């Protein structure tokens, strides 16, 4: 019983810190997923592109980002690229967004490739061009495969936001300390 009373006192005393930490964590995760989804869509398009140099750029980006630890990426972006920025939350959003983009690109690509090729052929045989077929036939079917993986990506990113404390950012872990 003493434990519960102690916890209640701690929560009452430090409620504002926890609230600020939760809000910052959700802001970082939400904007990172949004930024990652936009850039990831572009990277997935480039990865499936028929122009080899564009495909190579996308493959190099995706493989490099997925092959390096997120903490290294965060520290590189903070200490090397954006050293003059004082807003650590914005630096975290950029770093997490760039990381999320590589994973999201593979999620989008795999969702599109999961749709049977016959669907594209059916749309083309109806006289639709490539973009219209993708927009109205392939992408809606791919969403079914994409959504669960995007939900997992958001959860992973939500957990990874604790790494922002390495550069002095304030989020839930920082508030708890």
Protein backbone atom coordinates (compact mmCIF):
# COMPACT_ATOMS: atom_id res chain seq x y z
CA UNK A 1 0.00 0.00 0.00
CA UNK A 2 2.91 2.35 0.72
CA UNK A 3 4.14 1.82 -2.82
CA UNK A 4 0.85 3.02 -4.33
CA UNK A 5 0.81 6.09 -2.08
CA UNK A 6 4.39 6.91 -3.06
CA UNK A 7 3.56 6.52 -6.75
CA UNK A 8 0.50 8.75 -6.40
CA UNK A 9 2.60 11.46 -4.76
CA UNK A 10 5.26 11.23 -7.48
CA UNK A 11 2.69 11.47 -10.25
CA UNK A 12 1.02 14.43 -8.57
CA UNK A 13 4.33 16.20 -8.02
CA UNK A 14 5.85 15.61 -11.47
CA UNK A 15 2.68 15.54 -13.57
CA UNK A 16 3.72 18.53 -15.70
CA UNK A 17 7.04 16.88 -16.61
CA UNK A 18 5.34 13.65 -17.65
CA UNK A 19 2.71 15.53 -19.67
CA UNK A 20 5.39 17.53 -21.51
CA UNK A 21 7.37 14.34 -22.17
CA UNK A 22 4.36 12.46 -23.54
CA UNK A 23 3.38 15.37 -25.78
CA UNK A 24 6.95 15.72 -27.13
CA UNK A 25 7.19 11.97 -27.72
CA UNK A 26 3.94 11.89 -29.68
CA UNK A 27 4.88 15.00 -31.69
CA UNK A 28 8.27 13.55 -32.65
CA UNK A 29 6.77 10.17 -33.58
CA UNK A 30 3.84 11.58 -35.55
CA UNK A 31 5.83 14.08 -37.59
CA UNK A 32 8.62 11.57 -38.18
CA UNK A 33 6.16 9.03 -39.56
CA UNK A 34 4.56 11.71 -41.74
CA UNK A 35 7.95 12.87 -43.07
CA UNK A 36 9.07 9.26 -43.46
CA UNK A 37 5.91 8.29 -45.34
CA UNK A 38 6.29 11.14 -47.83
CA UNK A 39 9.99 10.51 -48.44
CA UNK A 40 9.45 6.74 -48.30
CA UNK A 41 6.84 6.95 -51.04
CA UNK A 42 9.31 8.83 -53.21
CA UNK A 43 12.08 6.32 -52.45
CA UNK A 44 9.79 3.37 -53.19
CA UNK A 45 8.88 4.95 -56.52
CA UNK A 46 12.54 5.50 -57.34
CA UNK A 47 13.39 1.95 -56.26
CA UNK A 48 10.85 0.55 -58.72
CA UNK A 49 11.82 3.03 -61.45
CA UNK A 50 13.13 1.71 -64.76
CA UNK A 51 15.88 4.35 -64.97
CA UNK A 52 18.97 2.63 -63.49
CA UNK A 53 20.73 5.70 -61.92
CA UNK A 54 17.57 6.70 -60.04
CA UNK A 55 17.05 3.13 -58.88
CA UNK A 56 20.69 2.93 -57.71
CA UNK A 57 20.32 6.14 -55.69
CA UNK A 58 17.23 4.78 -53.96
CA UNK A 59 18.83 1.39 -53.29
CA UNK A 60 21.97 3.04 -51.90
CA UNK A 61 19.95 5.31 -49.58
CA UNK A 62 17.68 2.52 -48.35
CA UNK A 63 20.48 0.03 -47.77
CA UNK A 64 22.77 2.58 -46.08
CA UNK A 65 20.09 3.88 -43.72
CA UNK A 66 18.77 0.42 -42.86
CA UNK A 67 22.34 -0.81 -42.31
CA UNK A 68 23.46 1.82 -39.80
CA UNK A 69 22.21 2.20 -36.22
CA UNK A 70 19.64 4.90 -35.57
CA UNK A 71 21.73 6.41 -32.79
CA UNK A 72 24.66 6.87 -35.17
CA UNK A 73 22.35 8.56 -37.68
CA UNK A 74 20.91 10.83 -34.99
CA UNK A 75 24.33 11.85 -33.72
CA UNK A 76 25.65 12.37 -37.25
CA UNK A 77 22.75 14.62 -38.18
CA UNK A 78 22.98 16.56 -34.92
CA UNK A 79 26.75 16.97 -34.61
CA UNK A 80 27.77 17.14 -38.28
CA UNK A 81 24.90 18.33 -40.41
CA UNK A 82 22.70 20.48 -38.18
CA UNK A 83 25.18 21.57 -35.51
CA UNK A 84 23.89 25.16 -35.50
CA UNK A 85 20.27 24.18 -34.77
CA UNK A 86 19.19 24.63 -31.19
CA UNK A 87 15.80 22.96 -31.58
CA UNK A 88 16.59 19.36 -30.69
CA UNK A 89 13.02 18.25 -31.35
CA UNK A 90 13.28 19.37 -35.00
CA UNK A 91 16.63 17.59 -35.34
CA UNK A 92 15.03 14.44 -33.92
CA UNK A 93 12.10 14.67 -36.31
CA UNK A 94 14.47 14.99 -39.27
CA UNK A 95 16.72 12.14 -38.13
CA UNK A 96 13.86 9.80 -37.27
CA UNK A 97 12.01 10.79 -40.45
CA UNK A 98 15.01 10.00 -42.64
CA UNK A 99 15.39 6.66 -40.90
CA UNK A 100 11.70 5.89 -41.14
CA UNK A 101 11.71 6.77 -44.85
CA UNK A 102 14.04 3.87 -45.65
CA UNK A 103 11.85 1.36 -43.84
CA UNK A 104 8.64 2.89 -45.17
CA UNK A 105 9.98 2.72 -48.73
CA UNK A 106 10.44 -1.01 -48.38
CA UNK A 107 6.96 -1.34 -46.85
CA UNK A 108 5.39 0.52 -49.77
CA UNK A 109 7.42 -1.37 -52.34
CA UNK A 110 6.56 -4.75 -50.86
CA UNK A 111 2.87 -3.81 -50.66
CA UNK A 112 2.79 -2.83 -54.31
CA UNK A 113 4.69 -5.94 -55.36
CA UNK A 114 2.26 -8.08 -53.35
CA UNK A 115 -0.54 -7.14 -55.75
CA UNK A 116 -0.85 -9.66 -58.57
CA UNK A 117 0.63 -8.48 -61.89
CA UNK A 118 -2.64 -9.46 -63.53
CA UNK A 119 -4.28 -6.47 -61.87
CA UNK A 120 -1.97 -4.09 -63.73
CA UNK A 121 -2.57 -5.99 -66.96
CA UNK A 122 -6.33 -5.82 -66.43
CA UNK A 123 -6.22 -2.06 -65.93
CA UNK A 124 -4.02 -1.59 -68.97
CA UNK A 125 -6.31 -3.77 -71.07
CA UNK A 126 -9.22 -1.52 -70.10
CA UNK A 127 -7.36 1.40 -71.66
CA UNK A 128 -6.08 3.01 -68.46
CA UNK A 129 -2.59 4.49 -68.47
CA UNK A 130 0.08 3.39 -65.98
CA UNK A 131 -0.54 6.13 -63.39
CA UNK A 132 -4.32 5.72 -63.45
CA UNK A 133 -4.00 1.95 -63.11
CA UNK A 134 -1.66 2.38 -60.15
CA UNK A 135 -3.93 4.98 -58.54
CA UNK A 136 -7.27 3.22 -58.88
CA UNK A 137 -6.42 -0.48 -59.05
CA UNK A 138 -3.01 -1.38 -57.60
CA UNK A 139 -2.55 1.10 -54.72
CA UNK A 140 -5.97 0.45 -53.09
CA UNK A 141 -5.19 -3.27 -53.03
CA UNK A 142 -1.69 -2.64 -51.72
CA UNK A 143 -3.01 -0.60 -48.78
CA UNK A 144 -4.36 -3.80 -47.24
CA UNK A 145 -0.81 -5.16 -46.98
CA UNK A 146 0.79 -1.82 -46.12
CA UNK A 147 -1.31 -0.66 -43.15
CA UNK A 148 -0.26 -3.28 -40.57
CA UNK A 149 3.42 -2.76 -41.36
CA UNK A 150 2.99 1.03 -41.15
CA UNK A 151 1.39 0.59 -37.73
CA UNK A 152 4.40 -1.44 -36.63
CA UNK A 153 6.72 1.26 -37.98
CA UNK A 154 4.90 3.88 -35.90
CA UNK A 155 5.19 1.76 -32.76
CA UNK A 156 8.91 1.18 -33.36
CA UNK A 157 9.42 4.89 -33.94
CA UNK A 158 7.48 5.70 -30.79
CA UNK A 159 9.87 3.52 -28.82
CA UNK A 160 12.94 4.88 -30.63
CA UNK A 161 12.14 8.47 -29.68
CA UNK A 162 13.88 7.84 -26.37
CA UNK A 163 17.17 8.11 -28.29
CA UNK A 164 16.66 11.85 -28.59
CA UNK A 165 17.89 12.18 -25.01
CA UNK A 166 21.39 11.45 -26.37
CA UNK A 167 21.44 14.92 -27.94
CA UNK A 168 19.63 16.54 -25.02
CA UNK A 169 16.09 16.46 -26.40
CA UNK A 170 13.15 16.38 -24.03
CA UNK A 171 10.73 13.48 -24.33
CA UNK A 172 9.14 10.97 -21.96
CA UNK A 173 12.40 9.29 -20.86
CA UNK A 174 13.98 12.70 -20.20
CA UNK A 175 10.94 13.74 -18.15
CA UNK A 176 11.14 10.53 -16.10
CA UNK A 177 14.80 11.21 -15.28
